[in-house]
N, C-alpha and C. Protein backbone atom coordinates (compact mmCIF):
# COMPACT_ATOMS: atom_id res chain seq x y z
N MET A 1 0.54 -1.58 -0.50
CA MET A 1 0.14 -0.35 -0.04
C MET A 1 0.74 1.22 -0.12
N LYS A 2 0.48 2.28 -0.74
CA LYS A 2 1.12 3.57 -0.92
C LYS A 2 0.80 4.36 0.16
N LEU A 3 1.45 5.35 1.05
CA LEU A 3 0.62 6.42 1.74
C LEU A 3 0.61 7.41 1.67
N ASN A 4 -0.53 7.84 1.58
CA ASN A 4 -0.72 9.63 0.95
C ASN A 4 -0.19 10.84 0.90
N GLY A 5 -0.04 11.67 0.15
CA GLY A 5 0.70 12.67 0.67
C GLY A 5 1.04 13.10 2.04
N ALA A 6 0.28 12.80 2.93
CA ALA A 6 0.77 13.44 4.20
C ALA A 6 1.57 12.45 5.07
N GLY A 7 1.10 11.16 4.22
CA GLY A 7 2.13 10.08 4.92
C GLY A 7 1.18 9.40 6.27
N LYS A 8 0.09 9.68 6.31
CA LYS A 8 -0.09 9.43 7.64
C LYS A 8 -1.50 8.21 7.48
N ARG A 9 -2.30 8.24 5.98
CA ARG A 9 -3.36 6.93 6.04
C ARG A 9 -2.67 6.31 4.80
N PRO A 10 -2.84 4.97 4.24
CA PRO A 10 -2.34 4.42 3.01
C PRO A 10 -3.73 4.84 2.40
N VAL A 11 -3.19 4.85 1.19
CA VAL A 11 -4.22 4.71 -0.23
C VAL A 11 -4.70 3.70 -0.75
N ARG A 12 -5.74 3.39 -0.75
CA ARG A 12 -6.26 2.15 -1.29
C ARG A 12 -6.87 1.92 -2.26
N ARG A 13 -6.23 0.58 -3.20
CA ARG A 13 -6.26 0.39 -4.78
C ARG A 13 -6.75 -0.84 -4.99
N ASP A 14 -7.65 -1.56 -3.95
CA ASP A 14 -8.43 -2.46 -3.84
C ASP A 14 -9.57 -2.16 -3.94
N ARG A 15 -10.25 -1.09 -4.39
CA ARG A 15 -11.39 -1.13 -4.36
C ARG A 15 -12.42 -1.78 -4.88
N LEU A 16 -13.86 -2.01 -4.32
CA LEU A 16 -14.60 -2.93 -6.08
C LEU A 16 -15.40 -1.45 -6.40
N ILE A 17 -15.44 -1.58 -7.66
CA ILE A 17 -15.79 -1.05 -8.54
C ILE A 17 -17.35 -1.49 -8.89
N ARG A 18 -18.41 -0.86 -8.77
CA ARG A 18 -19.41 -1.11 -9.16
C ARG A 18 -19.85 -1.02 -10.83
N GLU A 19 -20.18 -1.52 -11.21
CA GLU A 19 -20.96 -1.18 -12.88
C GLU A 19 -22.62 -0.15 -12.96
N ARG A 20 -23.09 0.54 -13.51
CA ARG A 20 -23.97 0.55 -13.72
C ARG A 20 -25.07 -0.27 -14.32
N ASN A 21 -25.86 -0.06 -13.63
CA ASN A 21 -27.24 -0.67 -13.98
C ASN A 21 -27.56 -0.27 -15.42
N HIS A 22 -27.86 -0.89 -16.45
CA HIS A 22 -28.24 -0.21 -17.47
C HIS A 22 -29.57 -0.62 -18.11
N ASP A 23 -30.07 -0.11 -17.10
CA ASP A 23 -32.12 -0.71 -16.98
C ASP A 23 -32.33 0.40 -17.33
N THR A 24 -33.17 0.78 -19.07
CA THR A 24 -33.64 1.67 -19.41
C THR A 24 -34.70 2.12 -18.73
N TYR A 25 -35.38 1.08 -18.23
CA TYR A 25 -36.74 1.32 -17.79
C TYR A 25 -36.75 1.62 -16.03
N MET A 26 -35.68 1.91 -15.87
CA MET A 26 -35.59 2.28 -14.47
C MET A 26 -34.85 4.17 -14.40
N ALA A 27 -35.79 4.82 -13.81
CA ALA A 27 -35.62 6.04 -13.78
C ALA A 27 -34.39 6.63 -13.37
N ARG A 28 -33.63 7.52 -14.18
CA ARG A 28 -32.57 7.89 -14.07
C ARG A 28 -32.74 9.08 -12.20
N SER A 29 -33.54 9.61 -12.00
CA SER A 29 -33.96 10.36 -11.10
C SER A 29 -35.45 10.16 -10.75
N LYS A 30 -35.85 10.34 -9.25
CA LYS A 30 -37.03 10.33 -8.72
C LYS A 30 -38.10 10.94 -9.29
N TYR A 31 -39.43 10.37 -9.39
CA TYR A 31 -40.81 11.11 -9.93
C TYR A 31 -41.00 12.12 -9.28
N ARG A 32 -41.81 13.23 -9.35
CA ARG A 32 -42.07 13.72 -8.52
C ARG A 32 -43.41 13.15 -8.06
N GLU A 33 -43.95 14.03 -6.98
CA GLU A 33 -44.84 13.09 -5.85
C GLU A 33 -46.06 13.94 -5.73
N PRO A 34 -47.33 13.44 -6.16
CA PRO A 34 -47.52 11.96 -6.48
C PRO A 34 -47.31 12.16 -7.81
N THR A 35 -47.32 11.06 -8.74
CA THR A 35 -47.39 10.87 -9.80
C THR A 35 -48.35 9.74 -10.00
N VAL A 36 -48.95 9.88 -11.07
CA VAL A 36 -50.11 8.27 -11.79
C VAL A 36 -49.42 7.96 -12.60
N CYS A 37 -49.85 6.29 -13.28
CA CYS A 37 -49.75 6.18 -14.58
C CYS A 37 -51.10 6.20 -15.15
N PRO A 38 -51.19 6.86 -16.16
CA PRO A 38 -52.47 7.27 -16.73
C PRO A 38 -53.17 5.67 -17.34
N ASP A 39 -52.32 4.63 -17.71
CA ASP A 39 -53.11 3.56 -18.19
C ASP A 39 -53.09 2.49 -16.63
N CYS A 40 -52.43 2.33 -16.01
CA CYS A 40 -52.75 1.26 -15.09
C CYS A 40 -53.57 1.69 -13.70
N GLY A 41 -52.75 3.29 -13.20
CA GLY A 41 -53.65 4.15 -12.32
C GLY A 41 -52.66 3.60 -11.04
N VAL A 42 -51.22 3.21 -11.33
CA VAL A 42 -50.58 2.76 -9.88
C VAL A 42 -49.66 4.52 -9.82
N VAL A 43 -50.16 4.27 -8.18
CA VAL A 43 -49.65 5.84 -7.94
C VAL A 43 -48.47 5.46 -7.38
N TYR A 44 -47.28 6.89 -7.86
CA TYR A 44 -45.34 6.99 -6.89
C TYR A 44 -45.92 7.73 -5.94
N HIS A 45 -45.47 7.12 -5.06
CA HIS A 45 -45.95 8.20 -3.10
C HIS A 45 -44.81 7.45 -2.10
N LYS A 46 -44.38 7.70 -1.74
CA LYS A 46 -43.57 8.21 -0.99
C LYS A 46 -42.15 7.16 -1.45
N GLY A 47 -41.96 7.59 -2.71
CA GLY A 47 -40.78 7.06 -3.14
C GLY A 47 -40.67 5.27 -4.28
N ARG A 48 -41.72 4.93 -3.94
CA ARG A 48 -42.25 3.74 -4.54
C ARG A 48 -43.79 3.50 -5.31
N TRP A 49 -43.77 3.11 -6.18
CA TRP A 49 -45.13 2.80 -7.00
C TRP A 49 -46.22 2.04 -6.20
N GLN A 50 -47.07 2.49 -5.71
CA GLN A 50 -48.31 1.58 -4.76
C GLN A 50 -49.48 1.72 -5.25
N TRP A 51 -50.38 0.54 -4.83
CA TRP A 51 -51.94 0.44 -5.43
C TRP A 51 -52.63 1.34 -4.15
N ILE A 52 -52.67 2.69 -4.28
CA ILE A 52 -53.36 3.39 -4.00
C ILE A 52 -54.48 4.25 -4.37
N ALA A 53 -55.47 4.93 -3.88
CA ALA A 53 -56.31 5.94 -4.35
C ALA A 53 -55.26 7.05 -5.18
N ARG A 54 -56.11 7.66 -6.26
CA ARG A 54 -55.44 8.87 -6.97
C ARG A 54 -55.32 9.78 -6.50
N PRO A 55 -54.35 10.72 -5.84
CA PRO A 55 -54.91 11.93 -4.81
C PRO A 55 -55.04 13.23 -5.99
N GLU A 56 -55.24 13.88 -5.41
CA GLU A 56 -56.05 15.03 -6.25
C GLU A 56 -54.58 16.22 -6.84
N GLY A 57 -54.36 17.10 -7.41
CA GLY A 57 -53.24 17.01 -8.29
C GLY A 57 -51.78 16.25 -8.79
N ALA A 58 -52.08 14.97 -9.02
CA ALA A 58 -50.86 14.42 -9.26
C ALA A 58 -50.66 14.21 -10.43
N HIS A 59 -49.19 14.34 -11.03
CA HIS A 59 -48.74 14.11 -12.56
C HIS A 59 -48.55 13.26 -13.22
N GLU A 60 -48.59 12.88 -14.27
CA GLU A 60 -48.99 11.80 -15.31
C GLU A 60 -48.21 11.84 -15.76
N THR A 61 -47.62 10.24 -15.79
CA THR A 61 -45.82 9.61 -16.42
C THR A 61 -46.59 7.78 -16.63
N LEU A 62 -45.86 7.63 -17.83
CA LEU A 62 -46.19 6.09 -17.50
C LEU A 62 -45.57 5.37 -16.25
N CYS A 63 -46.08 4.17 -16.10
CA CYS A 63 -45.29 3.57 -15.20
C CYS A 63 -43.97 2.94 -15.97
N PRO A 64 -42.71 2.14 -15.00
CA PRO A 64 -41.85 1.84 -16.18
C PRO A 64 -42.45 0.27 -16.44
N ALA A 65 -43.85 -0.41 -15.71
CA ALA A 65 -44.13 -1.43 -16.29
C ALA A 65 -45.22 -1.10 -17.62
N CYS A 66 -45.51 0.06 -17.65
CA CYS A 66 -46.58 0.15 -18.73
C CYS A 66 -45.82 0.36 -19.36
N GLN A 67 -44.66 1.42 -19.31
CA GLN A 67 -43.46 1.72 -20.63
C GLN A 67 -43.08 0.69 -21.07
N ARG A 68 -42.61 -0.23 -20.41
CA ARG A 68 -42.36 -1.69 -21.40
C ARG A 68 -43.25 -2.82 -22.24
N MET A 69 -44.46 -2.23 -21.53
CA MET A 69 -45.38 -2.87 -22.16
C MET A 69 -46.14 -2.48 -23.79
N HIS A 70 -45.93 -1.06 -23.57
CA HIS A 70 -45.85 -0.26 -24.98
C HIS A 70 -44.86 -0.39 -25.58
N ASP A 71 -43.30 -0.25 -25.43
CA ASP A 71 -42.63 -1.08 -26.27
C ASP A 71 -42.31 -1.98 -26.73
N ARG A 72 -43.18 -2.72 -25.86
CA ARG A 72 -43.55 -4.39 -26.06
C ARG A 72 -41.72 -4.91 -25.62
N TYR A 73 -41.08 -4.96 -24.84
CA TYR A 73 -39.88 -4.81 -24.48
C TYR A 73 -39.71 -5.85 -22.87
N PRO A 74 -39.99 -6.73 -23.23
CA PRO A 74 -40.02 -7.55 -21.85
C PRO A 74 -38.54 -7.62 -20.28
N GLY A 75 -39.13 -8.25 -19.60
CA GLY A 75 -37.94 -7.46 -18.61
C GLY A 75 -37.49 -9.14 -18.03
N GLY A 76 -38.45 -10.36 -18.67
CA GLY A 76 -38.27 -12.03 -17.99
C GLY A 76 -38.97 -12.95 -19.81
N PHE A 77 -38.84 -13.75 -19.66
CA PHE A 77 -39.56 -15.03 -20.71
C PHE A 77 -39.09 -16.44 -20.13
N LEU A 78 -40.03 -17.03 -19.92
CA LEU A 78 -40.61 -18.00 -19.42
C LEU A 78 -41.21 -18.87 -20.31
N THR A 79 -40.40 -20.30 -20.76
CA THR A 79 -41.62 -20.66 -21.87
C THR A 79 -41.35 -22.26 -21.22
N LEU A 80 -42.69 -22.66 -21.10
CA LEU A 80 -43.27 -23.73 -20.63
C LEU A 80 -43.14 -24.76 -21.71
N SER A 81 -43.08 -26.03 -21.56
CA SER A 81 -43.65 -26.96 -22.74
C SER A 81 -43.53 -28.21 -22.12
N GLY A 82 -43.59 -29.19 -23.40
CA GLY A 82 -43.54 -30.76 -22.98
C GLY A 82 -45.27 -31.53 -23.03
N GLU A 83 -45.33 -32.50 -22.58
CA GLU A 83 -46.54 -33.70 -22.75
C GLU A 83 -47.82 -33.06 -21.73
N PHE A 84 -46.75 -32.84 -20.28
CA PHE A 84 -48.00 -32.82 -18.95
C PHE A 84 -48.49 -31.83 -19.29
N LEU A 85 -47.93 -30.45 -20.09
CA LEU A 85 -48.54 -28.96 -20.35
C LEU A 85 -49.87 -29.06 -20.54
N ALA A 86 -49.77 -30.04 -22.13
CA ALA A 86 -50.37 -29.95 -22.65
C ALA A 86 -51.97 -30.60 -22.03
N LYS A 87 -51.61 -31.37 -21.15
CA LYS A 87 -52.59 -32.39 -20.12
C LYS A 87 -53.58 -31.22 -19.15
N HIS A 88 -52.48 -30.36 -18.92
CA HIS A 88 -52.28 -29.41 -17.66
C HIS A 88 -52.72 -27.99 -17.86
N HIS A 89 -52.75 -27.63 -19.52
CA HIS A 89 -53.36 -26.53 -19.46
C HIS A 89 -53.23 -25.52 -18.84
N ASP A 90 -54.57 -25.69 -18.88
CA ASP A 90 -55.14 -24.63 -18.15
C ASP A 90 -55.02 -24.25 -16.87
N GLU A 91 -54.84 -25.43 -16.07
CA GLU A 91 -54.66 -25.10 -14.29
C GLU A 91 -52.99 -24.37 -14.28
N ILE A 92 -52.12 -24.56 -15.20
CA ILE A 92 -51.16 -24.08 -15.35
C ILE A 92 -50.90 -22.47 -15.60
N VAL A 93 -51.81 -22.51 -16.46
CA VAL A 93 -51.80 -20.72 -16.80
C VAL A 93 -52.59 -20.01 -15.54
N HIS A 94 -53.61 -20.91 -15.11
CA HIS A 94 -54.31 -20.80 -14.11
C HIS A 94 -53.18 -20.43 -12.48
N LEU A 95 -52.32 -20.95 -12.55
CA LEU A 95 -51.51 -20.67 -11.46
C LEU A 95 -50.35 -19.81 -12.10
N ALA A 96 -49.80 -19.20 -13.56
CA ALA A 96 -49.22 -18.27 -13.33
C ALA A 96 -49.96 -17.13 -13.19
N ARG A 97 -51.42 -16.92 -13.52
CA ARG A 97 -52.14 -15.57 -13.31
C ARG A 97 -52.02 -15.61 -11.98
N ASN A 98 -52.24 -16.55 -11.34
CA ASN A 98 -52.68 -16.25 -9.22
C ASN A 98 -51.58 -15.72 -9.24
N VAL A 99 -50.04 -16.43 -9.57
CA VAL A 99 -49.16 -15.85 -9.36
C VAL A 99 -48.31 -14.35 -9.25
N GLU A 100 -49.41 -13.40 -10.30
CA GLU A 100 -49.11 -12.52 -10.88
C GLU A 100 -50.22 -12.01 -10.06
N GLU A 101 -50.97 -12.65 -9.83
CA GLU A 101 -51.74 -11.29 -9.15
C GLU A 101 -51.48 -10.73 -7.54
N ARG A 102 -50.97 -12.22 -6.98
CA ARG A 102 -49.97 -12.07 -5.63
C ARG A 102 -48.81 -11.16 -5.95
N GLU A 103 -48.08 -11.10 -6.60
CA GLU A 103 -46.96 -10.61 -6.77
C GLU A 103 -47.17 -9.22 -6.98
N LYS A 104 -47.86 -9.26 -7.84
CA LYS A 104 -47.89 -7.47 -8.57
C LYS A 104 -49.38 -6.29 -7.11
N SER A 105 -49.76 -7.24 -6.76
CA SER A 105 -50.59 -6.43 -4.56
C SER A 105 -49.18 -6.24 -4.36
N GLN A 106 -47.77 -6.71 -3.92
CA GLN A 106 -46.62 -6.03 -3.33
C GLN A 106 -45.81 -5.84 -3.88
N HIS A 107 -45.94 -5.89 -5.78
CA HIS A 107 -45.21 -5.07 -6.31
C HIS A 107 -45.35 -4.58 -7.81
N PRO A 108 -46.12 -3.20 -7.77
CA PRO A 108 -46.97 -3.29 -8.83
C PRO A 108 -46.40 -3.15 -10.40
N LEU A 109 -45.13 -3.10 -10.39
CA LEU A 109 -44.51 -3.41 -11.55
C LEU A 109 -44.30 -4.76 -11.99
N GLN A 110 -44.75 -5.56 -11.40
CA GLN A 110 -44.50 -7.04 -11.65
C GLN A 110 -45.39 -7.36 -12.52
N ARG A 111 -45.63 -7.55 -14.14
CA ARG A 111 -47.00 -8.27 -14.56
C ARG A 111 -46.08 -9.74 -15.71
N ILE A 112 -47.26 -9.61 -16.12
CA ILE A 112 -47.22 -10.44 -17.05
C ILE A 112 -48.02 -10.08 -18.48
N MET A 113 -46.92 -9.80 -19.05
CA MET A 113 -47.33 -8.74 -20.59
C MET A 113 -48.12 -9.88 -21.21
N ALA A 114 -47.75 -10.80 -21.61
CA ALA A 114 -48.43 -11.88 -22.99
C ALA A 114 -48.11 -13.12 -22.28
N LEU A 115 -49.21 -13.85 -22.48
CA LEU A 115 -49.14 -15.42 -23.03
C LEU A 115 -49.56 -15.87 -24.67
N GLU A 116 -48.45 -16.35 -24.91
CA GLU A 116 -48.80 -17.02 -26.34
C GLU A 116 -48.31 -18.75 -26.44
N PRO A 117 -48.84 -19.08 -27.70
CA PRO A 117 -48.84 -20.07 -27.90
C PRO A 117 -47.35 -19.95 -28.41
N HIS A 118 -46.84 -21.09 -27.79
CA HIS A 118 -45.23 -20.70 -28.89
C HIS A 118 -44.66 -22.46 -28.66
N ASP A 119 -44.02 -22.61 -30.07
CA ASP A 119 -43.92 -24.17 -30.47
C ASP A 119 -44.74 -25.08 -29.92
N ASP A 120 -44.26 -26.00 -28.86
CA ASP A 120 -45.40 -27.30 -28.27
C ASP A 120 -45.45 -27.21 -27.11
N GLY A 121 -45.61 -25.21 -26.69
CA GLY A 121 -46.05 -24.52 -25.21
C GLY A 121 -46.32 -23.52 -25.38
N ILE A 122 -46.52 -22.96 -24.71
CA ILE A 122 -47.01 -21.42 -23.91
C ILE A 122 -45.11 -20.11 -23.72
N LEU A 123 -45.08 -19.33 -24.08
CA LEU A 123 -44.65 -18.49 -23.93
C LEU A 123 -44.84 -17.18 -23.12
N ILE A 124 -44.76 -17.07 -21.64
CA ILE A 124 -45.16 -16.29 -20.83
C ILE A 124 -43.82 -14.86 -20.99
N THR A 125 -44.18 -13.62 -21.22
CA THR A 125 -43.73 -12.34 -21.12
C THR A 125 -43.92 -11.74 -20.04
N THR A 126 -42.70 -11.12 -19.04
CA THR A 126 -43.01 -10.26 -17.92
C THR A 126 -42.43 -9.03 -18.35
N THR A 127 -42.68 -8.19 -17.60
CA THR A 127 -42.06 -7.28 -17.10
C THR A 127 -41.38 -6.62 -16.71
N GLN A 128 -40.89 -7.54 -15.74
CA GLN A 128 -39.42 -7.71 -14.31
C GLN A 128 -39.20 -9.33 -14.96
N MET A 129 -37.74 -9.28 -14.35
CA MET A 129 -37.05 -11.02 -14.51
C MET A 129 -37.75 -11.94 -13.18
N GLU A 130 -37.70 -11.06 -12.08
CA GLU A 130 -38.66 -11.70 -10.75
C GLU A 130 -39.64 -12.37 -11.08
N MET A 131 -40.36 -11.63 -11.98
CA MET A 131 -41.77 -12.21 -12.15
C MET A 131 -41.56 -13.62 -13.10
N ALA A 132 -41.33 -13.52 -13.92
CA ALA A 132 -41.03 -14.70 -14.55
C ALA A 132 -40.16 -15.70 -13.88
N ARG A 133 -39.44 -15.55 -12.94
CA ARG A 133 -38.39 -16.70 -11.95
C ARG A 133 -39.55 -16.98 -11.25
N ALA A 134 -40.84 -15.86 -10.79
CA ALA A 134 -41.47 -16.61 -9.26
C ALA A 134 -42.59 -17.54 -10.20
N ILE A 135 -42.54 -17.07 -11.50
CA ILE A 135 -43.97 -17.97 -12.05
C ILE A 135 -43.37 -19.62 -12.51
N GLY A 136 -42.16 -19.36 -12.80
CA GLY A 136 -41.22 -20.57 -12.98
C GLY A 136 -40.93 -21.25 -11.67
N ASP A 137 -40.28 -20.35 -10.87
CA ASP A 137 -40.82 -21.45 -9.11
C ASP A 137 -41.44 -21.88 -9.18
N ALA A 138 -42.99 -21.30 -9.14
CA ALA A 138 -44.55 -21.81 -8.68
C ALA A 138 -44.89 -23.08 -9.35
N VAL A 139 -44.56 -22.93 -10.82
CA VAL A 139 -44.81 -24.40 -11.87
C VAL A 139 -44.27 -25.57 -11.37
N HIS A 140 -42.79 -25.19 -11.38
CA HIS A 140 -41.79 -26.13 -10.74
C HIS A 140 -42.03 -26.69 -9.51
N HIS A 141 -42.52 -25.69 -8.25
CA HIS A 141 -42.81 -26.88 -7.09
C HIS A 141 -44.28 -27.36 -7.08
N ALA A 142 -45.39 -26.99 -7.91
CA ALA A 142 -46.47 -27.67 -7.92
C ALA A 142 -46.68 -29.09 -8.51
N TYR A 143 -45.39 -28.97 -10.13
CA TYR A 143 -45.61 -30.08 -11.01
C TYR A 143 -43.92 -30.63 -11.26
N GLN A 144 -43.04 -30.18 -10.30
CA GLN A 144 -41.66 -30.73 -10.70
C GLN A 144 -41.60 -30.64 -12.25
N GLY A 145 -40.85 -31.43 -12.78
CA GLY A 145 -40.33 -30.84 -13.59
C GLY A 145 -38.70 -30.61 -13.99
N GLU A 146 -38.53 -29.97 -15.22
CA GLU A 146 -37.00 -29.62 -15.45
C GLU A 146 -37.25 -27.91 -15.62
N LEU A 147 -36.64 -27.23 -14.54
CA LEU A 147 -36.50 -25.78 -14.72
C LEU A 147 -34.68 -25.07 -15.27
N ASP A 148 -34.53 -24.52 -16.22
CA ASP A 148 -33.61 -23.54 -15.84
C ASP A 148 -33.75 -22.42 -16.37
N TYR A 149 -32.41 -21.64 -15.51
CA TYR A 149 -32.71 -20.23 -15.74
C TYR A 149 -31.31 -19.22 -16.27
N ARG A 150 -31.75 -18.52 -17.32
CA ARG A 150 -30.38 -18.11 -18.22
C ARG A 150 -30.63 -16.37 -17.99
N TYR A 151 -29.51 -16.15 -17.22
CA TYR A 151 -29.68 -14.43 -17.60
C TYR A 151 -28.51 -13.89 -18.36
N THR A 152 -28.95 -13.41 -18.97
CA THR A 152 -28.32 -12.09 -19.62
C THR A 152 -27.80 -10.86 -19.30
N ASP A 153 -26.38 -10.94 -18.98
CA ASP A 153 -25.78 -9.76 -18.85
C ASP A 153 -25.69 -8.53 -19.05
N GLU A 154 -25.83 -8.38 -20.93
CA GLU A 154 -26.31 -7.20 -21.03
C GLU A 154 -27.38 -6.44 -21.45
N ALA A 155 -28.50 -7.15 -21.78
CA ALA A 155 -29.70 -6.33 -20.81
C ALA A 155 -30.94 -6.64 -19.64
N ASN A 156 -30.55 -7.16 -18.98
CA ASN A 156 -31.12 -7.43 -17.69
C ASN A 156 -32.41 -8.22 -17.77
N ILE A 157 -31.94 -9.27 -18.46
CA ILE A 157 -33.10 -9.80 -19.01
C ILE A 157 -32.93 -11.36 -18.66
N LEU A 158 -33.77 -12.35 -18.15
CA LEU A 158 -34.03 -13.89 -17.60
C LEU A 158 -35.06 -13.89 -18.53
N ARG A 159 -34.28 -15.67 -18.89
CA ARG A 159 -34.54 -16.46 -19.71
C ARG A 159 -34.80 -17.84 -18.60
N VAL A 160 -36.30 -17.94 -18.62
CA VAL A 160 -36.92 -19.53 -17.62
C VAL A 160 -37.30 -20.50 -18.57
N SER A 161 -37.09 -21.80 -18.31
CA SER A 161 -37.83 -22.50 -19.34
C SER A 161 -38.33 -23.99 -18.31
N TRP A 162 -39.11 -24.15 -18.18
CA TRP A 162 -39.88 -25.75 -17.74
C TRP A 162 -40.43 -26.19 -18.57
N ARG A 163 -39.94 -27.59 -18.28
CA ARG A 163 -40.61 -28.96 -19.05
C ARG A 163 -40.54 -30.07 -18.59
N ARG A 164 -41.92 -30.89 -18.54
CA ARG A 164 -42.22 -32.30 -18.18
C ARG A 164 -42.71 -32.68 -19.20
């Protein structure tokens, strides 16, 4: 270690340098309070998005979840496939919707964007990678099978696949 100019304290050269998170949907600064999303009605209050009554005189701007939906740019992908899915399609879709309702009640920005038929299964796109993981975990917990997670470093996207 080198000593600083005064010779009193050592200068540290082994600091951990953290890279910036490159999520374009996260605000670079705080929203003005209160702010309401005109699409879904979620309110930014006390530093976070919440499901509360719309305050008088609130500013309007799209929340990050609605912005992702408008841009059609998911944060998470969940692919469900296999013979078991074909036989239990409705049950598994119902489970995914239940997980969405539970998560969305606590974390308003976590939503399912779309449920689409895909090859031999379903592709579920979500606004946040945590939602894709939560649904994948719930399906795996309920029905077992093979569950795989793939994170992409460059775009903060999670790809989850489940098969049985």
